[in-house]
C-alpha atoms as a PDB file:
ATOM      1  CA  UNK A   1      14.499 -15.299   3.287  1.00  0.00           C
ATOM      2  CA  UNK A   2      11.077 -14.227   2.016  1.00  0.00           C
ATOM      3  CA  UNK A   3       7.446 -14.853   2.829  1.00  0.00           C
ATOM      4  CA  UNK A   4       4.515 -13.960   0.617  1.00  0.00           C
ATOM      5  CA  UNK A   5       1.008 -12.832   1.553  1.00  0.00           C
ATOM      6  CA  UNK A   6      -1.798 -12.430  -1.003  1.00  0.00           C
ATOM      7  CA  UNK A   7      -4.604  -9.870  -0.844  1.00  0.00           C
ATOM      8  CA  UNK A   8      -7.579  -9.095  -3.083  1.00  0.00           C
ATOM      9  CA  UNK A   9      -9.610  -5.996  -3.861  1.00  0.00           C
ATOM     10  CA  UNK A  10     -12.081  -4.902  -6.530  1.00  0.00           C
ATOM     11  CA  UNK A  11     -11.891  -1.448  -8.077  1.00  0.00           C
ATOM     12  CA  UNK A  12     -12.497   0.647 -11.191  1.00  0.00           C
ATOM     13  CA  UNK A  13     -10.247   3.090 -13.015  1.00  0.00           C
ATOM     14  CA  UNK A  14      -9.259   4.582 -16.360  1.00  0.00           C
ATOM     15  CA  UNK A  15      -5.662   4.376 -17.578  1.00  0.00           C
ATOM     16  CA  UNK A  16      -5.146   7.538 -19.610  1.00  0.00           C
ATOM     17  CA  UNK A  17      -2.698   7.834 -22.523  1.00  0.00           C
ATOM     18  CA  UNK A  18      -2.389   4.089 -23.129  1.00  0.00           C
ATOM     19  CA  UNK A  19      -2.713   2.353 -26.508  1.00  0.00           C
ATOM     20  CA  UNK A  20      -5.746   0.242 -25.600  1.00  0.00           C
ATOM     21  CA  UNK A  21      -8.749   2.425 -26.432  1.00  0.00           C
ATOM     22  CA  UNK A  22     -11.114   0.682 -24.039  1.00  0.00           C
ATOM     23  CA  UNK A  23      -8.706   1.115 -21.117  1.00  0.00           C
ATOM     24  CA  UNK A  24      -7.927   4.730 -21.970  1.00  0.00           C
ATOM     25  CA  UNK A  25     -11.445   6.008 -22.608  1.00  0.00           C
ATOM     26  CA  UNK A  26     -13.858   3.996 -20.444  1.00  0.00           C
ATOM     27  CA  UNK A  27     -14.298   3.385 -16.757  1.00  0.00           C
ATOM     28  CA  UNK A  28     -13.690  -0.306 -16.209  1.00  0.00           C
ATOM     29  CA  UNK A  29     -12.896  -2.577 -13.286  1.00  0.00           C
ATOM     30  CA  UNK A  30     -10.706  -5.453 -12.182  1.00  0.00           C
ATOM     31  CA  UNK A  31     -10.594  -8.053  -9.458  1.00  0.00           C
ATOM     32  CA  UNK A  32      -7.074  -7.267  -8.311  1.00  0.00           C
ATOM     33  CA  UNK A  33      -4.687  -9.709  -6.679  1.00  0.00           C
ATOM     34  CA  UNK A  34      -1.873  -8.166  -4.672  1.00  0.00           C
ATOM     35  CA  UNK A  35       1.136 -10.251  -3.631  1.00  0.00           C
ATOM     36  CA  UNK A  36       3.332  -8.816  -0.895  1.00  0.00           C
ATOM     37  CA  UNK A  37       6.814 -10.253  -0.304  1.00  0.00           C
ATOM     38  CA  UNK A  38       8.500  -9.544   3.041  1.00  0.00           C
ATOM     39  CA  UNK A  39      12.127 -10.423   3.732  1.00  0.00           C
ATOM     40  CA  UNK A  40      14.412 -10.696   6.729  1.00  0.00           C
ATOM     41  CA  UNK A  41      17.725 -12.394   7.464  1.00  0.00           C
ATOM     42  CA  UNK A  42      16.809 -13.916  10.821  1.00  0.00           C
ATOM     43  CA  UNK A  43      13.808 -15.758  12.246  1.00  0.00           C
ATOM     44  CA  UNK A  44      11.855 -14.441  15.218  1.00  0.00           C
ATOM     45  CA  UNK A  45      11.199 -16.273  18.509  1.00  0.00           C
ATOM     46  CA  UNK A  46       8.464 -18.315  16.818  1.00  0.00           C
ATOM     47  CA  UNK A  47      10.735 -19.428  13.976  1.00  0.00           C
ATOM     48  CA  UNK A  48       9.040 -17.053  11.530  1.00  0.00           C
ATOM     49  CA  UNK A  49      10.010 -14.089   9.397  1.00  0.00           C
ATOM     50  CA  UNK A  50       6.726 -12.426  10.410  1.00  0.00           C
ATOM     51  CA  UNK A  51       3.563 -13.932  11.828  1.00  0.00           C
ATOM     52  CA  UNK A  52       1.014 -13.951   8.991  1.00  0.00           C
ATOM     53  CA  UNK A  53      -1.603 -12.768  11.478  1.00  0.00           C
ATOM     54  CA  UNK A  54       0.186  -9.424  11.717  1.00  0.00           C
ATOM     55  CA  UNK A  55      -0.646  -8.713   8.072  1.00  0.00           C
ATOM     56  CA  UNK A  56      -4.246  -8.239   9.247  1.00  0.00           C
ATOM     57  CA  UNK A  57      -3.456  -4.934  10.956  1.00  0.00           C
ATOM     58  CA  UNK A  58      -2.331  -1.731   9.182  1.00  0.00           C
ATOM     59  CA  UNK A  59      -1.269  -3.537   5.990  1.00  0.00           C
ATOM     60  CA  UNK A  60      -4.665  -5.148   5.436  1.00  0.00           C
ATOM     61  CA  UNK A  61      -6.461  -1.950   6.434  1.00  0.00           C
ATOM     62  CA  UNK A  62      -4.545   0.118   3.892  1.00  0.00           C
ATOM     63  CA  UNK A  63      -5.168  -2.358   1.069  1.00  0.00           C
ATOM     64  CA  UNK A  64      -8.843  -2.758   1.964  1.00  0.00           C
ATOM     65  CA  UNK A  65      -9.312   1.008   1.627  1.00  0.00           C
ATOM     66  CA  UNK A  66      -8.938   0.565  -2.148  1.00  0.00           C
ATOM     67  CA  UNK A  67     -11.689  -2.053  -2.344  1.00  0.00           C
ATOM     68  CA  UNK A  68     -15.021  -1.274  -4.080  1.00  0.00           C
ATOM     69  CA  UNK A  69     -13.827   2.205  -4.981  1.00  0.00           C
ATOM     70  CA  UNK A  70     -13.121   4.225  -8.105  1.00  0.00           C
ATOM     71  CA  UNK A  71      -9.474   5.275  -8.420  1.00  0.00           C
ATOM     72  CA  UNK A  72      -8.558   8.268 -10.554  1.00  0.00           C
ATOM     73  CA  UNK A  73      -5.528  10.341 -11.496  1.00  0.00           C
ATOM     74  CA  UNK A  74      -5.530  13.800  -9.949  1.00  0.00           C
ATOM     75  CA  UNK A  75      -4.843  15.235 -13.422  1.00  0.00           C
ATOM     76  CA  UNK A  76      -8.369  14.383 -14.587  1.00  0.00           C
ATOM     77  CA  UNK A  77     -10.546  17.378 -15.459  1.00  0.00           C
ATOM     78  CA  UNK A  78     -12.246  19.189 -12.570  1.00  0.00           C
ATOM     79  CA  UNK A  79     -15.611  18.209 -14.050  1.00  0.00           C
ATOM     80  CA  UNK A  80     -14.720  14.520 -14.037  1.00  0.00           C
ATOM     81  CA  UNK A  81     -13.338  14.685 -10.512  1.00  0.00           C
ATOM     82  CA  UNK A  82     -16.501  16.433  -9.300  1.00  0.00           C
ATOM     83  CA  UNK A  83     -18.623  13.761 -10.985  1.00  0.00           C
ATOM     84  CA  UNK A  84     -16.735  10.970  -9.213  1.00  0.00           C
ATOM     85  CA  UNK A  85     -16.795  12.771  -5.863  1.00  0.00           C
ATOM     86  CA  UNK A  86     -20.566  13.296  -6.034  1.00  0.00           C
ATOM     87  CA  UNK A  87     -21.508   9.839  -7.323  1.00  0.00           C
ATOM     88  CA  UNK A  88     -18.983   7.525  -5.603  1.00  0.00           C
ATOM     89  CA  UNK A  89     -18.869   7.448  -1.826  1.00  0.00           C
ATOM     90  CA  UNK A  90     -15.699   5.390  -2.038  1.00  0.00           C
ATOM     91  CA  UNK A  91     -13.084   6.970  -4.286  1.00  0.00           C
ATOM     92  CA  UNK A  92      -9.319   7.371  -4.230  1.00  0.00           C
ATOM     93  CA  UNK A  93      -7.501  10.299  -5.782  1.00  0.00           C
ATOM     94  CA  UNK A  94      -4.012   9.290  -6.928  1.00  0.00           C
ATOM     95  CA  UNK A  95      -0.974  11.340  -7.849  1.00  0.00           C
ATOM     96  CA  UNK A  96      -0.155   8.940 -10.689  1.00  0.00           C
ATOM     97  CA  UNK A  97      -1.892   7.256 -13.608  1.00  0.00           C
ATOM     98  CA  UNK A  98      -3.501   4.117 -12.092  1.00  0.00           C
ATOM     99  CA  UNK A  99      -1.775   1.457 -14.185  1.00  0.00           C
ATOM    100  CA  UNK A 100      -0.786  -1.904 -12.750  1.00  0.00           C
ATOM    101  CA  UNK A 101       2.806  -0.657 -12.695  1.00  0.00           C
ATOM    102  CA  UNK A 102       1.791   2.459 -10.781  1.00  0.00           C
ATOM    103  CA  UNK A 103      -0.137   0.392  -8.260  1.00  0.00           C
ATOM    104  CA  UNK A 104       2.815  -1.961  -7.730  1.00  0.00           C
ATOM    105  CA  UNK A 105       5.165   0.931  -6.979  1.00  0.00           C
ATOM    106  CA  UNK A 106       2.644   2.747  -4.773  1.00  0.00           C
ATOM    107  CA  UNK A 107       1.710  -0.302  -2.713  1.00  0.00           C
ATOM    108  CA  UNK A 108       5.377  -1.223  -2.379  1.00  0.00           C
ATOM    109  CA  UNK A 109       6.226   2.247  -1.066  1.00  0.00           C
ATOM    110  CA  UNK A 110       3.338   2.407   1.413  1.00  0.00           C
ATOM    111  CA  UNK A 111       3.518  -1.166   2.686  1.00  0.00           C
ATOM    112  CA  UNK A 112       7.264  -0.992   3.222  1.00  0.00           C
ATOM    113  CA  UNK A 113       6.747   2.308   5.042  1.00  0.00           C
ATOM    114  CA  UNK A 114       4.120   0.691   7.269  1.00  0.00           C
ATOM    115  CA  UNK A 115       6.390  -2.261   8.097  1.00  0.00           C
ATOM    116  CA  UNK A 116       9.297   0.013   8.983  1.00  0.00           C
ATOM    117  CA  UNK A 117       7.003   2.227  11.094  1.00  0.00           C
ATOM    118  CA  UNK A 118       5.773  -0.726  13.183  1.00  0.00           C
ATOM    119  CA  UNK A 119       7.226  -1.782  16.521  1.00  0.00           C
ATOM    120  CA  UNK A 120       7.397  -5.580  16.650  1.00  0.00           C
ATOM    121  CA  UNK A 121       7.683  -7.555  19.891  1.00  0.00           C
ATOM    122  CA  UNK A 122       8.771 -11.116  19.103  1.00  0.00           C
ATOM    123  CA  UNK A 123      12.416 -10.755  18.205  1.00  0.00           C
ATOM    124  CA  UNK A 124      11.777  -9.961  14.556  1.00  0.00           C
ATOM    125  CA  UNK A 125      14.818  -9.031  12.510  1.00  0.00           C
ATOM    126  CA  UNK A 126      14.702  -5.775  10.523  1.00  0.00           C
ATOM    127  CA  UNK A 127      11.934  -6.349   7.984  1.00  0.00           C
ATOM    128  CA  UNK A 128      11.371  -4.904   4.536  1.00  0.00           C
ATOM    129  CA  UNK A 129       8.952  -5.390   1.683  1.00  0.00           C
ATOM    130  CA  UNK A 130      11.183  -6.826  -1.022  1.00  0.00           C
ATOM    131  CA  UNK A 131       8.643  -6.966  -3.848  1.00  0.00           C
ATOM    132  CA  UNK A 132       5.003  -6.360  -4.716  1.00  0.00           C
ATOM    133  CA  UNK A 133       3.046  -7.926  -7.550  1.00  0.00           C
ATOM    134  CA  UNK A 134      -0.230  -6.513  -8.833  1.00  0.00           C
ATOM    135  CA  UNK A 135      -2.441  -8.710 -11.019  1.00  0.00           C
ATOM    136  CA  UNK A 136      -5.262  -7.051 -12.942  1.00  0.00           C
ATOM    137  CA  UNK A 137      -5.991 -10.306 -14.770  1.00  0.00           C
ATOM    138  CA  UNK A 138      -5.019 -13.949 -14.360  1.00  0.00           C
ATOM    139  CA  UNK A 139      -2.555 -13.827 -17.250  1.00  0.00           C
ATOM    140  CA  UNK A 140      -0.231 -10.959 -16.334  1.00  0.00           C
ATOM    141  CA  UNK A 141       1.081  -8.808 -13.512  1.00  0.00           C
ATOM    142  CA  UNK A 142       3.343  -5.854 -12.729  1.00  0.00           C
ATOM    143  CA  UNK A 143       6.076  -6.334 -10.137  1.00  0.00           C
ATOM    144  CA  UNK A 144       8.020  -3.762  -8.140  1.00  0.00           C
ATOM    145  CA  UNK A 145      11.384  -4.558  -6.569  1.00  0.00           C
ATOM    146  CA  UNK A 146      13.150  -2.857  -3.667  1.00  0.00           C
ATOM    147  CA  UNK A 147      15.613  -1.040  -5.946  1.00  0.00           C
ATOM    148  CA  UNK A 148      12.727   0.478  -7.894  1.00  0.00           C
ATOM    149  CA  UNK A 149      11.779   2.629  -4.888  1.00  0.00           C
ATOM    150  CA  UNK A 150      15.091   4.479  -5.334  1.00  0.00           C
ATOM    151  CA  UNK A 151      14.643   5.012  -9.082  1.00  0.00           C
ATOM    152  CA  UNK A 152      13.514   8.608  -9.747  1.00  0.00           C
ATOM    153  CA  UNK A 153      12.325   7.702 -13.234  1.00  0.00           C
ATOM    154  CA  UNK A 154       9.862   5.216 -11.729  1.00  0.00           C
ATOM    155  CA  UNK A 155       8.951   7.137  -8.569  1.00  0.00           C
ATOM    156  CA  UNK A 156       8.656  10.684  -9.890  1.00  0.00           C
ATOM    157  CA  UNK A 157       4.882  10.782  -9.314  1.00  0.00           C
ATOM    158  CA  UNK A 158       4.696   8.415  -6.342  1.00  0.00           C
ATOM    159  CA  UNK A 159       5.257   9.376  -2.706  1.00  0.00           C
ATOM    160  CA  UNK A 160       3.440   9.275   0.618  1.00  0.00           C
ATOM    161  CA  UNK A 161       1.487  12.280  -0.715  1.00  0.00           C
ATOM    162  CA  UNK A 162       0.156  10.324  -3.708  1.00  0.00           C
ATOM    163  CA  UNK A 163      -2.957   8.769  -2.121  1.00  0.00           C
ATOM    164  CA  UNK A 164      -6.038  10.621  -0.918  1.00  0.00           C
ATOM    165  CA  UNK A 165      -8.969   8.569   0.383  1.00  0.00           C
ATOM    166  CA  UNK A 166     -12.513   9.910   0.236  1.00  0.00           C
ATOM    167  CA  UNK A 167     -14.413  10.656   3.467  1.00  0.00           C
ATOM    168  CA  UNK A 168     -16.540   7.587   2.781  1.00  0.00           C
ATOM    169  CA  UNK A 169     -13.427   5.394   2.871  1.00  0.00           C
ATOM    170  CA  UNK A 170     -11.870   7.096   5.879  1.00  0.00           C
ATOM    171  CA  UNK A 171     -14.978   6.644   8.015  1.00  0.00           C
ATOM    172  CA  UNK A 172     -14.816   2.874   7.453  1.00  0.00           C
ATOM    173  CA  UNK A 173     -11.093   2.504   8.232  1.00  0.00           C
ATOM    174  CA  UNK A 174     -10.134   1.202  11.694  1.00  0.00           C
ATOM    175  CA  UNK A 175      -7.512   3.967  11.797  1.00  0.00           C
ATOM    176  CA  UNK A 176      -8.471   6.847   9.481  1.00  0.00           C
ATOM    177  CA  UNK A 177      -5.295   8.714  10.489  1.00  0.00           C
ATOM    178  CA  UNK A 178      -3.032   5.964   9.105  1.00  0.00           C
ATOM    179  CA  UNK A 179      -1.593   7.953   6.190  1.00  0.00           C
ATOM    180  CA  UNK A 180      -1.188  11.111   8.264  1.00  0.00           C
ATOM    181  CA  UNK A 181       0.652   9.112  10.938  1.00  0.00           C
ATOM    182  CA  UNK A 182       2.970   7.662   8.301  1.00  0.00           C
ATOM    183  CA  UNK A 183       3.773  11.062   6.843  1.00  0.00           C
ATOM    184  CA  UNK A 184       4.347  12.575  10.275  1.00  0.00           C
ATOM    185  CA  UNK A 185       6.633   9.725  11.344  1.00  0.00           C
ATOM    186  CA  UNK A 186       8.853   9.918   8.264  1.00  0.00           C
ATOM    187  CA  UNK A 187       8.977  13.713   8.436  1.00  0.00           C
ATOM    188  CA  UNK A 188      10.205  13.516  12.034  1.00  0.00           C
ATOM    189  CA  UNK A 189      12.570  10.666  11.192  1.00  0.00           C
ATOM    190  CA  UNK A 190      14.204  12.733   8.458  1.00  0.00           C
ATOM    191  CA  UNK A 191      14.960  15.687  10.720  1.00  0.00           C
ATOM    192  CA  UNK A 192      15.312  14.189  14.207  1.00  0.00           C
ATOM    193  CA  UNK A 193      18.557  13.417  16.024  1.00  0.00           C
ATOM    194  CA  UNK A 194      16.773  10.780  18.107  1.00  0.00           C
ATOM    195  CA  UNK A 195      14.424   8.499  16.105  1.00  0.00           C
ATOM    196  CA  UNK A 196      10.760   9.223  16.878  1.00  0.00           C
ATOM    197  CA  UNK A 197       8.429   6.654  18.379  1.00  0.00           C
ATOM    198  CA  UNK A 198       6.946   4.365  15.753  1.00  0.00           C
ATOM    199  CA  UNK A 199       3.215   5.008  15.232  1.00  0.00           C
ATOM    200  CA  UNK A 200       2.176   1.352  14.920  1.00  0.00           C
ATOM    201  CA  UNK A 201       2.747  -1.576  17.254  1.00  0.00           C
ATOM    202  CA  UNK A 202       2.152  -5.305  16.919  1.00  0.00           C
ATOM    203  CA  UNK A 203       0.335  -7.148  19.718  1.00  0.00           C
ATOM    204  CA  UNK A 204       2.533  -9.068  22.189  1.00  0.00           C
ATOM    205  CA  UNK A 205       3.170 -12.739  21.384  1.00  0.00           C
ATOM    206  CA  UNK A 206       2.224 -15.684  23.575  1.00  0.00           C
ATOM    207  CA  UNK A 207       5.146 -16.717  25.798  1.00  0.00           C
ATOM    208  CA  UNK A 208       4.541 -20.479  26.110  1.00  0.00           C
ATOM    209  CA  UNK A 209       7.999 -22.072  26.006  1.00  0.00           C
ATOM    210  CA  UNK A 210      11.063 -20.399  27.563  1.00  0.00           C
ATOM    211  CA  UNK A 211      13.741 -19.556  25.015  1.00  0.00           C
END
């Protein structure tokens, strides 16, 4: 079973090497819509896959960090990167070309990592992000599926190292260490005999009716 939660953010970018001259050669912006699909095979104690209120924590914080910011590929010239860094308080350096497809894969990777690194407390089944859609316009979108995260041809430039927020973004985040905590958790998970403690935790539910 799946649930879907929609988010919005506004941002600018350039998509290098594409056919559309305006997209490839000029800074331009979009009002992005991000659809996040979460799946599980059992309902929790509230009869839900996941309480929609829990999307307001690390997931919403990570997505909001991209809002009102310029996003750029880390292969841009040093001069261009310096220009952005000195003129945009909010900017995001990316390890991939910021196309809609790249965003879909990146958000899918990070949001699924956040979900799996969260300790839930209401009998939730194992959860995963099954798909992510990124709309740049109201007439098209790019969609990433779970299998895509295992495809090296799609993920060759995308990892937990692929996003670097500017100091101006980090100082506004409720948890500026979020990405570092993710990377540390999955590093320990990969080499530990005993799974490490998850870095994020959902608030306890209300216990109103005995189960």
